[in-house]
C-alpha cells in the first residue's frame, strides 16, 4: 500500500476507534519517554554498494531508538512530538554500508486506557525523514543522502512503577519512500532519481522497550 493511502487509512481507523473508548482524566499532563529496540524494513531497501538479495536483507534489520513527548490535557486526546532513529550496517570483501534514518514529527494521540497504573496510547503523525548511507567502495568513501515527508502510526502500552515513572512497550511504523538521493563518490556529487514504480524504500517497523517519566 502506498504511504499516503496508509496514512489516510490509519487516520480513519483511529477516529473510528475513538468512538468506543474511554480514558480517565489524567493525573499528570506531561510525559517524556525513551525507547530502544529492534527495527525492520519490511519492504526491503536498495541503493547499496551490492545488489545481492541476502546482503540487502541484512541491511533491513537494525536497531531503533526514539524519544517521545506528550501533552495529555484532558480525557482521551493528547498531542506530542516523536523522534525516531535507525541504524544498520554490513560489509563485503570490497564494500560496506552503514544506513541511518532520522524521523521527527508532531503527533496526535488517542488514549485508549489511562489510569494510575496503565496507559495505552495510539498515535499518528506526519513529519520529515532524513536518510544517509555512509558506505565505502574499494576503500573510498561514498556518501548517499536523501529526505522526504513521511508518516507514522503506533501504539504504546505503559505500566506505572510509581506515580512518576513507568516502563513501556512501543510499536511504531514509519513509512515513506525516496524519489531521489544525492550520491558523493570520488569527489563527484550526482543526483540519482528513481522511477515512480521503483522508489527507494525506507519504511520501517520499530519494536522497542523503554522508560517514561510523567509530571
N, C-alpha and C. Protein backbone atom coordinates (compact mmCIF):
# COMPACT_ATOMS: atom_id res chain seq x y z
N UNK A 1 0.84 -1.19 0.00
CA UNK A 1 0.00 0.00 0.00
C UNK A 1 0.88 1.25 0.00
N UNK A 2 0.51 2.27 -0.76
CA UNK A 2 1.27 3.49 -0.83
C UNK A 2 1.23 4.20 0.52
N UNK A 3 2.35 4.90 0.90
CA UNK A 3 2.39 5.57 2.20
C UNK A 3 1.24 6.53 2.43
N UNK A 4 0.85 7.31 1.41
CA UNK A 4 -0.22 8.29 1.59
C UNK A 4 -1.54 7.59 1.88
N UNK A 5 -1.83 6.50 1.16
CA UNK A 5 -3.08 5.77 1.41
C UNK A 5 -3.07 5.12 2.79
N UNK A 6 -1.90 4.64 3.22
CA UNK A 6 -1.80 4.03 4.54
C UNK A 6 -2.06 5.06 5.63
N UNK A 7 -1.57 6.28 5.45
CA UNK A 7 -1.81 7.33 6.42
C UNK A 7 -3.29 7.67 6.51
N UNK A 8 -3.97 7.76 5.37
CA UNK A 8 -5.40 8.04 5.37
C UNK A 8 -6.18 6.93 6.07
N UNK A 9 -5.80 5.68 5.79
CA UNK A 9 -6.48 4.55 6.41
C UNK A 9 -6.27 4.53 7.92
N UNK A 10 -5.04 4.80 8.35
CA UNK A 10 -4.74 4.82 9.78
C UNK A 10 -5.51 5.92 10.49
N UNK A 11 -5.61 7.09 9.88
CA UNK A 11 -6.36 8.19 10.47
C UNK A 11 -7.82 7.81 10.64
N UNK A 12 -8.38 7.19 9.62
CA UNK A 12 -9.78 6.76 9.67
C UNK A 12 -10.00 5.74 10.79
N UNK A 13 -9.10 4.78 10.92
CA UNK A 13 -9.25 3.74 11.94
C UNK A 13 -9.17 4.33 13.35
N UNK A 14 -8.25 5.27 13.56
CA UNK A 14 -8.12 5.88 14.88
C UNK A 14 -9.36 6.67 15.24
N UNK A 15 -9.90 7.42 14.29
CA UNK A 15 -11.12 8.18 14.56
C UNK A 15 -12.31 7.25 14.81
N UNK A 16 -12.34 6.13 14.11
CA UNK A 16 -13.41 5.16 14.30
C UNK A 16 -13.33 4.54 15.69
N UNK A 17 -12.14 4.15 16.09
CA UNK A 17 -11.94 3.52 17.40
C UNK A 17 -12.29 4.49 18.53
N UNK A 18 -12.01 5.78 18.32
CA UNK A 18 -12.20 6.77 19.39
C UNK A 18 -13.64 6.83 19.89
N UNK A 19 -14.58 6.45 19.05
CA UNK A 19 -15.98 6.48 19.46
C UNK A 19 -16.33 5.41 20.47
N UNK A 20 -15.46 4.42 20.68
CA UNK A 20 -15.77 3.29 21.55
C UNK A 20 -14.87 3.23 22.79
N UNK A 21 -14.04 4.24 22.97
CA UNK A 21 -13.05 4.18 24.04
C UNK A 21 -13.32 5.21 25.11
N UNK A 22 -12.73 4.97 26.27
CA UNK A 22 -12.87 5.91 27.38
C UNK A 22 -11.58 5.92 28.18
N UNK A 23 -11.13 7.11 28.52
CA UNK A 23 -9.95 7.25 29.37
C UNK A 23 -10.29 8.17 30.53
N UNK A 24 -9.73 7.87 31.71
CA UNK A 24 -9.94 8.72 32.87
C UNK A 24 -9.20 10.04 32.71
N UNK A 25 -9.57 11.01 33.52
CA UNK A 25 -8.86 12.28 33.50
C UNK A 25 -7.41 12.05 33.93
N UNK A 26 -6.44 12.63 33.22
CA UNK A 26 -5.03 12.38 33.55
C UNK A 26 -4.64 12.99 34.89
N UNK A 27 -3.83 12.27 35.65
CA UNK A 27 -3.30 12.82 36.90
C UNK A 27 -2.02 13.61 36.63
N UNK A 28 -1.31 13.29 35.53
CA UNK A 28 -0.12 14.02 35.11
C UNK A 28 -0.31 14.42 33.65
N UNK A 29 -0.13 15.70 33.33
CA UNK A 29 -0.41 16.17 31.98
C UNK A 29 0.72 15.89 31.00
N UNK A 30 1.96 15.81 31.47
CA UNK A 30 3.12 15.71 30.60
C UNK A 30 3.82 14.36 30.77
N UNK A 31 4.37 13.84 29.68
CA UNK A 31 5.17 12.62 29.76
C UNK A 31 6.31 12.69 28.75
N UNK A 32 7.45 12.15 29.18
CA UNK A 32 8.64 12.05 28.33
C UNK A 32 9.13 10.60 28.41
N UNK A 33 9.43 9.99 27.26
CA UNK A 33 9.88 8.60 27.27
C UNK A 33 11.01 8.38 26.27
N UNK A 34 11.83 7.38 26.56
CA UNK A 34 12.92 6.95 25.70
C UNK A 34 12.79 5.45 25.47
N UNK A 35 13.03 5.02 24.23
CA UNK A 35 12.91 3.60 23.88
C UNK A 35 14.09 3.18 23.02
N UNK A 36 14.41 1.91 23.10
CA UNK A 36 15.42 1.31 22.20
C UNK A 36 14.98 -0.11 21.88
N UNK A 37 15.26 -0.55 20.65
CA UNK A 37 14.83 -1.89 20.28
C UNK A 37 15.25 -2.29 18.89
N UNK A 38 14.43 -3.15 18.31
CA UNK A 38 14.69 -3.78 17.02
C UNK A 38 13.87 -3.09 15.93
N UNK A 39 14.41 -3.01 14.73
CA UNK A 39 13.67 -2.43 13.61
C UNK A 39 13.89 -3.27 12.35
N UNK A 40 12.88 -3.24 11.50
CA UNK A 40 12.93 -3.99 10.25
C UNK A 40 12.31 -3.16 9.14
N UNK A 41 12.95 -3.17 7.96
CA UNK A 41 12.37 -2.55 6.78
C UNK A 41 11.65 -3.65 6.00
N UNK A 42 10.35 -3.84 6.21
CA UNK A 42 9.65 -4.99 5.61
C UNK A 42 9.59 -4.96 4.10
N UNK A 43 9.69 -3.77 3.49
CA UNK A 43 9.64 -3.68 2.03
C UNK A 43 11.00 -3.79 1.38
N UNK A 44 12.05 -4.02 2.18
CA UNK A 44 13.40 -4.08 1.63
C UNK A 44 13.98 -2.69 1.46
N UNK A 45 15.22 -2.63 1.02
CA UNK A 45 15.85 -1.35 0.72
C UNK A 45 16.86 -1.57 -0.39
N UNK A 46 17.21 -0.50 -1.07
CA UNK A 46 18.15 -0.59 -2.18
C UNK A 46 19.18 0.54 -2.03
N UNK A 47 19.85 0.90 -3.11
CA UNK A 47 20.84 1.97 -3.04
C UNK A 47 22.10 1.58 -2.32
N UNK A 48 22.37 0.26 -2.22
CA UNK A 48 23.54 -0.22 -1.50
C UNK A 48 24.72 -0.41 -2.45
N UNK A 49 25.87 -0.76 -1.88
CA UNK A 49 27.06 -0.98 -2.71
C UNK A 49 27.04 -2.36 -3.35
N UNK A 50 26.10 -3.21 -2.97
CA UNK A 50 25.99 -4.54 -3.55
C UNK A 50 24.52 -4.87 -3.73
N UNK A 51 24.17 -5.50 -4.84
CA UNK A 51 22.75 -5.78 -5.14
C UNK A 51 22.32 -7.18 -4.74
N UNK A 52 23.15 -7.90 -4.01
CA UNK A 52 22.79 -9.24 -3.55
C UNK A 52 21.56 -9.17 -2.64
N UNK A 53 20.59 -10.07 -2.87
CA UNK A 53 19.37 -10.06 -2.06
C UNK A 53 19.67 -10.39 -0.60
N UNK A 54 20.60 -11.30 -0.36
CA UNK A 54 20.92 -11.66 1.02
C UNK A 54 21.58 -10.48 1.74
N UNK A 55 22.42 -9.74 1.03
CA UNK A 55 23.05 -8.56 1.63
C UNK A 55 22.01 -7.47 1.90
N UNK A 56 21.08 -7.28 0.97
CA UNK A 56 20.02 -6.31 1.17
C UNK A 56 19.18 -6.66 2.40
N UNK A 57 18.87 -7.95 2.57
CA UNK A 57 18.08 -8.38 3.73
C UNK A 57 18.80 -8.06 5.03
N UNK A 58 20.14 -8.25 5.05
CA UNK A 58 20.91 -7.95 6.25
C UNK A 58 20.77 -6.48 6.65
N UNK A 59 20.74 -5.60 5.66
CA UNK A 59 20.65 -4.16 5.93
C UNK A 59 19.23 -3.72 6.27
N UNK A 60 18.28 -4.63 6.15
CA UNK A 60 16.89 -4.32 6.52
C UNK A 60 16.61 -4.57 7.99
N UNK A 61 17.56 -5.13 8.72
CA UNK A 61 17.42 -5.39 10.14
C UNK A 61 18.44 -4.54 10.89
N UNK A 62 17.98 -3.77 11.87
CA UNK A 62 18.89 -2.92 12.62
C UNK A 62 18.33 -2.56 13.98
N UNK A 63 18.91 -1.53 14.58
CA UNK A 63 18.44 -1.06 15.88
C UNK A 63 17.69 0.26 15.70
N UNK A 64 16.74 0.48 16.56
CA UNK A 64 16.00 1.73 16.54
C UNK A 64 16.02 2.35 17.94
N UNK A 65 15.85 3.63 17.98
CA UNK A 65 15.75 4.35 19.25
C UNK A 65 14.81 5.53 19.04
N UNK A 66 14.18 5.97 20.10
CA UNK A 66 13.28 7.11 19.94
C UNK A 66 13.15 7.89 21.23
N UNK A 67 12.66 9.11 21.09
CA UNK A 67 12.31 9.98 22.21
C UNK A 67 10.92 10.53 21.92
N UNK A 68 10.05 10.51 22.94
CA UNK A 68 8.68 10.95 22.75
C UNK A 68 8.26 11.89 23.88
N UNK A 69 7.56 12.95 23.50
CA UNK A 69 6.95 13.84 24.49
C UNK A 69 5.46 13.95 24.18
N UNK A 70 4.62 13.86 25.23
CA UNK A 70 3.18 14.01 25.04
C UNK A 70 2.58 14.93 26.09
N UNK A 71 1.63 15.71 25.63
CA UNK A 71 0.78 16.54 26.49
C UNK A 71 -0.61 15.92 26.48
N UNK A 72 -1.08 15.52 27.66
CA UNK A 72 -2.39 14.86 27.80
C UNK A 72 -3.28 15.75 28.67
N UNK A 73 -3.89 16.76 28.08
CA UNK A 73 -4.60 17.75 28.89
C UNK A 73 -5.92 17.26 29.48
N UNK A 74 -6.65 16.40 28.75
CA UNK A 74 -7.97 16.02 29.22
C UNK A 74 -8.48 14.80 28.45
N UNK A 75 -9.15 13.90 29.17
CA UNK A 75 -9.87 12.80 28.53
C UNK A 75 -9.02 11.91 27.66
N UNK A 76 -9.50 11.66 26.45
CA UNK A 76 -8.89 10.68 25.56
C UNK A 76 -7.79 11.24 24.68
N UNK A 77 -7.73 12.55 24.52
CA UNK A 77 -6.89 13.12 23.46
C UNK A 77 -5.62 13.76 24.00
N UNK A 78 -4.58 13.70 23.19
CA UNK A 78 -3.32 14.33 23.54
C UNK A 78 -2.55 14.71 22.28
N UNK A 79 -1.44 15.42 22.51
CA UNK A 79 -0.59 15.89 21.42
C UNK A 79 0.86 15.71 21.83
N UNK A 80 1.73 15.55 20.84
CA UNK A 80 3.12 15.32 21.21
C UNK A 80 4.10 15.53 20.08
N UNK A 81 5.32 15.10 20.36
CA UNK A 81 6.42 15.17 19.39
C UNK A 81 7.17 13.86 19.45
N UNK A 82 7.50 13.32 18.28
CA UNK A 82 8.11 11.99 18.19
C UNK A 82 9.37 12.08 17.34
N UNK A 83 10.51 11.60 17.90
CA UNK A 83 11.76 11.45 17.13
C UNK A 83 12.14 9.98 17.13
N UNK A 84 12.55 9.47 15.96
CA UNK A 84 12.95 8.07 15.85
C UNK A 84 14.18 7.95 14.96
N UNK A 85 15.16 7.16 15.41
CA UNK A 85 16.36 6.90 14.63
C UNK A 85 16.52 5.42 14.32
N UNK A 86 17.28 5.13 13.26
CA UNK A 86 17.51 3.74 12.83
C UNK A 86 18.95 3.62 12.33
N UNK A 87 19.56 2.48 12.61
CA UNK A 87 20.93 2.23 12.15
C UNK A 87 21.08 0.75 11.80
N UNK A 88 21.71 0.48 10.65
CA UNK A 88 22.04 -0.89 10.25
C UNK A 88 23.29 -0.84 9.40
N UNK A 89 24.16 -1.83 9.55
CA UNK A 89 25.38 -1.84 8.75
C UNK A 89 25.77 -3.25 8.35
N UNK A 90 26.53 -3.31 7.26
CA UNK A 90 27.00 -4.59 6.75
C UNK A 90 28.22 -4.37 5.89
N UNK A 91 28.95 -5.44 5.60
CA UNK A 91 30.15 -5.31 4.78
C UNK A 91 30.39 -6.58 3.99
N UNK A 92 31.04 -6.40 2.83
CA UNK A 92 31.50 -7.49 1.99
C UNK A 92 33.00 -7.28 1.74
N UNK A 93 33.57 -8.05 0.85
CA UNK A 93 35.03 -8.02 0.67
C UNK A 93 35.54 -6.65 0.25
N UNK A 94 34.86 -5.99 -0.67
CA UNK A 94 35.36 -4.72 -1.19
C UNK A 94 34.42 -3.55 -0.93
N UNK A 95 33.43 -3.75 -0.09
CA UNK A 95 32.48 -2.66 0.13
C UNK A 95 31.81 -2.80 1.49
N UNK A 96 31.22 -1.70 1.93
CA UNK A 96 30.47 -1.71 3.19
C UNK A 96 29.40 -0.62 3.13
N UNK A 97 28.36 -0.77 3.95
CA UNK A 97 27.28 0.21 4.03
C UNK A 97 26.92 0.42 5.49
N UNK A 98 26.58 1.65 5.82
CA UNK A 98 26.06 1.97 7.14
C UNK A 98 24.89 2.93 6.94
N UNK A 99 23.67 2.40 7.11
CA UNK A 99 22.45 3.17 6.85
C UNK A 99 21.95 3.80 8.14
N UNK A 100 21.58 5.07 8.04
CA UNK A 100 20.91 5.78 9.12
C UNK A 100 19.63 6.40 8.57
N UNK A 101 18.58 6.41 9.37
CA UNK A 101 17.44 7.27 9.07
C UNK A 101 17.05 7.99 10.35
N UNK A 102 16.62 9.24 10.21
CA UNK A 102 16.16 10.05 11.33
C UNK A 102 14.81 10.64 10.95
N UNK A 103 13.85 10.51 11.86
CA UNK A 103 12.48 10.95 11.58
C UNK A 103 11.97 11.76 12.76
N UNK A 104 11.32 12.88 12.48
CA UNK A 104 10.72 13.69 13.53
C UNK A 104 9.37 14.19 13.05
N UNK A 105 8.38 14.19 13.97
CA UNK A 105 7.02 14.57 13.57
C UNK A 105 6.18 14.95 14.78
N UNK A 106 5.31 15.94 14.65
CA UNK A 106 4.29 16.18 15.67
C UNK A 106 3.29 15.04 15.66
N UNK A 107 2.64 14.81 16.80
CA UNK A 107 1.77 13.65 16.96
C UNK A 107 0.39 14.03 17.48
N UNK A 108 -0.60 13.28 17.03
CA UNK A 108 -1.93 13.30 17.62
C UNK A 108 -2.09 11.98 18.35
N UNK A 109 -2.53 12.02 19.60
CA UNK A 109 -2.61 10.81 20.43
C UNK A 109 -4.03 10.55 20.89
N UNK A 110 -4.35 9.28 20.98
CA UNK A 110 -5.65 8.83 21.47
C UNK A 110 -5.39 7.84 22.61
N UNK A 111 -5.83 8.19 23.82
CA UNK A 111 -5.60 7.35 24.99
C UNK A 111 -6.76 6.36 25.14
N UNK A 112 -6.47 5.11 24.81
CA UNK A 112 -7.49 4.06 24.93
C UNK A 112 -7.76 3.73 26.39
N UNK A 113 -6.69 3.79 27.19
CA UNK A 113 -6.80 3.48 28.62
C UNK A 113 -5.79 4.35 29.34
N UNK A 114 -6.23 5.01 30.40
CA UNK A 114 -5.33 5.87 31.15
C UNK A 114 -5.80 5.92 32.60
N UNK A 115 -4.99 5.34 33.49
CA UNK A 115 -5.30 5.41 34.91
C UNK A 115 -4.00 5.43 35.70
N UNK A 116 -4.08 5.21 37.00
CA UNK A 116 -2.88 5.33 37.83
C UNK A 116 -1.85 4.26 37.54
N UNK A 117 -2.25 3.14 36.95
CA UNK A 117 -1.33 2.03 36.73
C UNK A 117 -0.99 1.75 35.27
N UNK A 118 -1.92 2.00 34.37
CA UNK A 118 -1.74 1.60 32.98
C UNK A 118 -2.12 2.73 32.04
N UNK A 119 -1.30 2.92 31.01
CA UNK A 119 -1.62 3.84 29.92
C UNK A 119 -1.47 3.09 28.60
N UNK A 120 -2.49 3.16 27.77
CA UNK A 120 -2.42 2.61 26.42
C UNK A 120 -2.75 3.74 25.45
N UNK A 121 -1.84 4.02 24.54
CA UNK A 121 -1.96 5.19 23.68
C UNK A 121 -1.75 4.82 22.22
N UNK A 122 -2.63 5.27 21.36
CA UNK A 122 -2.42 5.22 19.92
C UNK A 122 -1.91 6.57 19.46
N UNK A 123 -1.04 6.58 18.46
CA UNK A 123 -0.52 7.86 17.97
C UNK A 123 -0.36 7.82 16.45
N UNK A 124 -0.47 9.00 15.86
CA UNK A 124 -0.30 9.14 14.42
C UNK A 124 0.31 10.50 14.14
N UNK A 125 1.15 10.59 13.11
CA UNK A 125 1.78 11.86 12.81
C UNK A 125 2.33 11.91 11.40
N UNK A 126 2.65 13.12 10.98
CA UNK A 126 3.29 13.36 9.68
C UNK A 126 4.46 14.29 9.89
N UNK A 127 5.63 13.93 9.34
CA UNK A 127 6.81 14.74 9.58
C UNK A 127 7.85 14.60 8.48
N UNK A 128 9.11 14.61 8.88
CA UNK A 128 10.24 14.69 7.96
C UNK A 128 11.22 13.56 8.25
N UNK A 129 11.65 12.86 7.20
CA UNK A 129 12.63 11.77 7.35
C UNK A 129 13.89 12.10 6.57
N UNK A 130 15.04 11.88 7.20
CA UNK A 130 16.36 12.07 6.59
C UNK A 130 17.05 10.71 6.49
N UNK A 131 17.58 10.41 5.30
CA UNK A 131 18.24 9.13 5.02
C UNK A 131 19.72 9.38 4.72
N UNK A 132 20.59 8.52 5.27
CA UNK A 132 22.02 8.59 4.97
C UNK A 132 22.58 7.18 4.85
N UNK A 133 23.51 7.00 3.92
CA UNK A 133 24.27 5.76 3.80
C UNK A 133 25.73 6.13 3.70
N UNK A 134 26.47 5.92 4.80
CA UNK A 134 27.91 6.17 4.81
C UNK A 134 28.60 4.87 4.42
N UNK A 135 28.92 4.75 3.14
CA UNK A 135 29.46 3.50 2.62
C UNK A 135 30.90 3.67 2.12
N UNK A 136 31.52 2.53 1.83
CA UNK A 136 32.87 2.53 1.25
C UNK A 136 32.90 1.53 0.10
N UNK A 137 33.59 1.91 -0.98
CA UNK A 137 33.79 1.04 -2.14
C UNK A 137 35.28 1.05 -2.47
N UNK A 138 35.91 -0.11 -2.38
CA UNK A 138 37.36 -0.22 -2.61
C UNK A 138 38.11 0.83 -1.81
N UNK A 139 37.79 0.90 -0.50
CA UNK A 139 38.45 1.77 0.47
C UNK A 139 38.28 3.26 0.18
N UNK A 140 37.30 3.61 -0.63
CA UNK A 140 37.00 5.03 -0.88
C UNK A 140 35.59 5.32 -0.37
N UNK A 141 35.46 6.48 0.29
CA UNK A 141 34.18 6.86 0.87
C UNK A 141 33.14 7.14 -0.20
N UNK A 142 31.94 6.70 0.07
CA UNK A 142 30.77 7.00 -0.77
C UNK A 142 29.66 7.45 0.17
N UNK A 143 29.13 8.65 -0.03
CA UNK A 143 28.11 9.19 0.84
C UNK A 143 26.82 9.41 0.05
N UNK A 144 25.73 8.83 0.57
CA UNK A 144 24.43 8.95 -0.08
C UNK A 144 23.46 9.56 0.93
N UNK A 145 22.67 10.52 0.49
CA UNK A 145 21.71 11.15 1.39
C UNK A 145 20.43 11.51 0.65
N UNK A 146 19.35 11.58 1.39
CA UNK A 146 18.06 11.96 0.83
C UNK A 146 17.10 12.33 1.94
N UNK A 147 16.00 12.94 1.60
CA UNK A 147 15.00 13.32 2.58
C UNK A 147 13.63 13.45 1.92
N UNK A 148 12.59 13.29 2.74
CA UNK A 148 11.24 13.42 2.23
C UNK A 148 10.24 13.46 3.39
N UNK A 149 9.07 13.98 3.12
CA UNK A 149 7.99 13.90 4.08
C UNK A 149 7.64 12.43 4.33
N UNK A 150 7.24 12.12 5.57
CA UNK A 150 6.92 10.75 5.95
C UNK A 150 5.77 10.77 6.95
N UNK A 151 5.27 9.59 7.27
CA UNK A 151 4.21 9.45 8.26
C UNK A 151 4.53 8.34 9.23
N UNK A 152 3.80 8.30 10.33
CA UNK A 152 3.97 7.20 11.29
C UNK A 152 2.65 6.92 11.99
N UNK A 153 2.52 5.70 12.43
CA UNK A 153 1.40 5.28 13.25
C UNK A 153 1.94 4.29 14.27
N UNK A 154 1.41 4.34 15.50
CA UNK A 154 1.96 3.47 16.52
C UNK A 154 1.04 3.25 17.70
N UNK A 155 1.49 2.38 18.59
CA UNK A 155 0.77 2.10 19.83
C UNK A 155 1.79 1.92 20.94
N UNK A 156 1.44 2.41 22.13
CA UNK A 156 2.33 2.33 23.28
C UNK A 156 1.53 1.84 24.48
N UNK A 157 2.07 0.85 25.19
CA UNK A 157 1.45 0.32 26.41
C UNK A 157 2.44 0.50 27.56
N UNK A 158 2.00 1.18 28.60
CA UNK A 158 2.90 1.54 29.70
C UNK A 158 2.33 1.08 31.04
N UNK A 159 3.22 0.54 31.88
CA UNK A 159 2.86 0.18 33.25
C UNK A 159 3.60 1.10 34.20
N UNK A 160 2.85 1.75 35.10
CA UNK A 160 3.44 2.71 36.02
C UNK A 160 4.04 2.01 37.23
N UNK A 161 5.34 2.24 37.46
CA UNK A 161 6.02 1.68 38.62
C UNK A 161 5.78 2.54 39.86
N UNK A 162 5.75 3.87 39.64
CA UNK A 162 5.44 4.83 40.70
C UNK A 162 4.49 5.86 40.10
N UNK A 163 4.20 6.90 40.85
CA UNK A 163 3.32 7.94 40.32
C UNK A 163 3.96 8.74 39.20
N UNK A 164 5.30 8.65 39.06
CA UNK A 164 6.00 9.41 38.02
C UNK A 164 6.66 8.52 36.97
N UNK A 165 7.16 7.36 37.36
CA UNK A 165 7.96 6.54 36.46
C UNK A 165 7.18 5.32 35.96
N UNK A 166 7.39 5.00 34.67
CA UNK A 166 6.75 3.83 34.10
C UNK A 166 7.65 3.13 33.10
N UNK A 167 7.35 1.87 32.79
CA UNK A 167 8.05 1.11 31.75
C UNK A 167 7.04 0.80 30.64
N UNK A 168 7.52 0.78 29.40
CA UNK A 168 6.56 0.64 28.30
C UNK A 168 7.11 -0.19 27.16
N UNK A 169 6.18 -0.78 26.42
CA UNK A 169 6.47 -1.43 25.14
C UNK A 169 5.88 -0.56 24.04
N UNK A 170 6.63 -0.39 22.96
CA UNK A 170 6.25 0.57 21.93
C UNK A 170 6.38 -0.06 20.55
N UNK A 171 5.36 0.13 19.72
CA UNK A 171 5.35 -0.37 18.35
C UNK A 171 5.06 0.81 17.43
N UNK A 172 5.96 1.07 16.47
CA UNK A 172 5.79 2.20 15.56
C UNK A 172 6.11 1.77 14.13
N UNK A 173 5.29 2.26 13.20
CA UNK A 173 5.57 2.05 11.78
C UNK A 173 5.79 3.41 11.13
N UNK A 174 6.99 3.63 10.62
CA UNK A 174 7.36 4.87 9.93
C UNK A 174 7.40 4.56 8.44
N UNK A 175 6.67 5.33 7.63
CA UNK A 175 6.56 4.95 6.23
C UNK A 175 6.76 6.13 5.28
N UNK A 176 7.58 5.88 4.26
CA UNK A 176 7.77 6.78 3.13
C UNK A 176 8.67 6.07 2.12
N UNK A 177 8.92 6.71 0.99
CA UNK A 177 9.94 6.26 0.05
C UNK A 177 10.58 7.48 -0.56
N UNK A 178 11.76 7.30 -1.15
CA UNK A 178 12.52 8.43 -1.67
C UNK A 178 12.47 8.47 -3.19
N UNK A 179 12.22 9.66 -3.72
CA UNK A 179 12.20 9.84 -5.16
C UNK A 179 13.60 10.06 -5.73
N UNK A 180 14.50 10.59 -4.89
CA UNK A 180 15.86 10.85 -5.36
C UNK A 180 16.81 10.90 -4.17
N UNK A 181 18.09 10.68 -4.44
CA UNK A 181 19.14 10.81 -3.43
C UNK A 181 20.33 11.52 -4.06
N UNK A 182 21.18 12.10 -3.21
CA UNK A 182 22.43 12.68 -3.64
C UNK A 182 23.56 11.72 -3.29
N UNK A 183 24.40 11.40 -4.26
CA UNK A 183 25.50 10.46 -4.05
C UNK A 183 26.84 11.16 -4.32
N UNK A 184 27.74 11.09 -3.33
CA UNK A 184 29.06 11.69 -3.46
C UNK A 184 30.11 10.59 -3.41
N UNK A 185 30.88 10.44 -4.50
CA UNK A 185 31.92 9.41 -4.59
C UNK A 185 33.04 9.93 -5.46
N UNK A 186 34.27 9.75 -4.99
CA UNK A 186 35.45 10.21 -5.73
C UNK A 186 35.42 11.73 -5.95
N UNK A 187 34.84 12.46 -5.00
CA UNK A 187 34.78 13.90 -5.10
C UNK A 187 33.73 14.44 -6.04
N UNK A 188 32.89 13.57 -6.58
CA UNK A 188 31.85 13.98 -7.52
C UNK A 188 30.48 13.69 -6.92
N UNK A 189 29.59 14.67 -7.00
CA UNK A 189 28.23 14.51 -6.48
C UNK A 189 27.24 14.44 -7.63
N UNK A 190 26.41 13.41 -7.61
CA UNK A 190 25.38 13.26 -8.63
C UNK A 190 24.02 13.05 -7.97
N UNK A 191 22.97 13.37 -8.68
CA UNK A 191 21.61 13.13 -8.21
C UNK A 191 21.07 11.88 -8.89
N UNK A 192 20.65 10.92 -8.08
CA UNK A 192 20.08 9.69 -8.59
C UNK A 192 18.57 9.75 -8.40
N UNK A 193 17.82 9.66 -9.49
CA UNK A 193 16.36 9.71 -9.43
C UNK A 193 15.78 8.31 -9.69
N UNK A 194 14.75 7.97 -8.93
CA UNK A 194 14.14 6.66 -9.02
C UNK A 194 12.80 6.76 -9.74
N UNK A 195 12.49 5.79 -10.60
CA UNK A 195 11.18 5.81 -11.28
C UNK A 195 10.04 5.62 -10.28
N UNK A 196 8.85 6.08 -10.65
CA UNK A 196 7.71 6.05 -9.73
C UNK A 196 7.36 4.64 -9.26
N UNK A 197 7.62 3.63 -10.10
CA UNK A 197 7.29 2.25 -9.72
C UNK A 197 8.41 1.57 -8.94
N UNK A 198 9.52 2.25 -8.72
CA UNK A 198 10.66 1.63 -8.04
C UNK A 198 11.38 2.65 -7.16
N UNK A 199 10.65 3.26 -6.23
CA UNK A 199 11.25 4.21 -5.30
C UNK A 199 12.20 3.50 -4.33
N UNK A 200 13.08 4.30 -3.72
CA UNK A 200 13.96 3.76 -2.69
C UNK A 200 13.14 3.62 -1.39
N UNK A 201 12.89 2.39 -0.98
CA UNK A 201 12.04 2.12 0.18
C UNK A 201 12.83 2.32 1.48
N UNK A 202 12.27 3.10 2.38
CA UNK A 202 12.91 3.31 3.68
C UNK A 202 11.91 3.17 4.83
N UNK A 203 10.72 2.62 4.56
CA UNK A 203 9.74 2.39 5.62
C UNK A 203 10.26 1.35 6.59
N UNK A 204 9.92 1.51 7.87
CA UNK A 204 10.42 0.55 8.87
C UNK A 204 9.43 0.36 10.00
N UNK A 205 9.53 -0.80 10.62
CA UNK A 205 8.71 -1.17 11.77
C UNK A 205 9.62 -1.26 12.98
N UNK A 206 9.31 -0.50 14.03
CA UNK A 206 10.09 -0.49 15.26
C UNK A 206 9.35 -1.23 16.36
N UNK A 207 10.06 -2.10 17.07
CA UNK A 207 9.54 -2.78 18.25
C UNK A 207 10.53 -2.53 19.38
N UNK A 208 10.10 -1.82 20.42
CA UNK A 208 11.08 -1.39 21.42
C UNK A 208 10.50 -1.36 22.82
N UNK A 209 11.40 -1.26 23.79
CA UNK A 209 11.07 -1.13 25.21
C UNK A 209 11.71 0.13 25.74
N UNK A 210 11.09 0.71 26.76
CA UNK A 210 11.66 1.94 27.27
C UNK A 210 11.12 2.33 28.63
N UNK A 211 11.48 3.53 29.02
CA UNK A 211 11.10 4.08 30.31
C UNK A 211 10.53 5.47 30.11
N UNK A 212 9.54 5.82 30.93
CA UNK A 212 8.89 7.12 30.80
C UNK A 212 8.78 7.83 32.13
N UNK A 213 8.72 9.16 32.05
CA UNK A 213 8.57 10.00 33.24
C UNK A 213 7.36 10.89 33.05
N UNK A 214 6.47 10.94 34.04
CA UNK A 214 5.24 11.74 33.97
C UNK A 214 5.31 12.86 35.01
N UNK A 215 4.86 14.03 34.60
CA UNK A 215 4.90 15.18 35.53
C UNK A 215 3.79 16.18 35.20
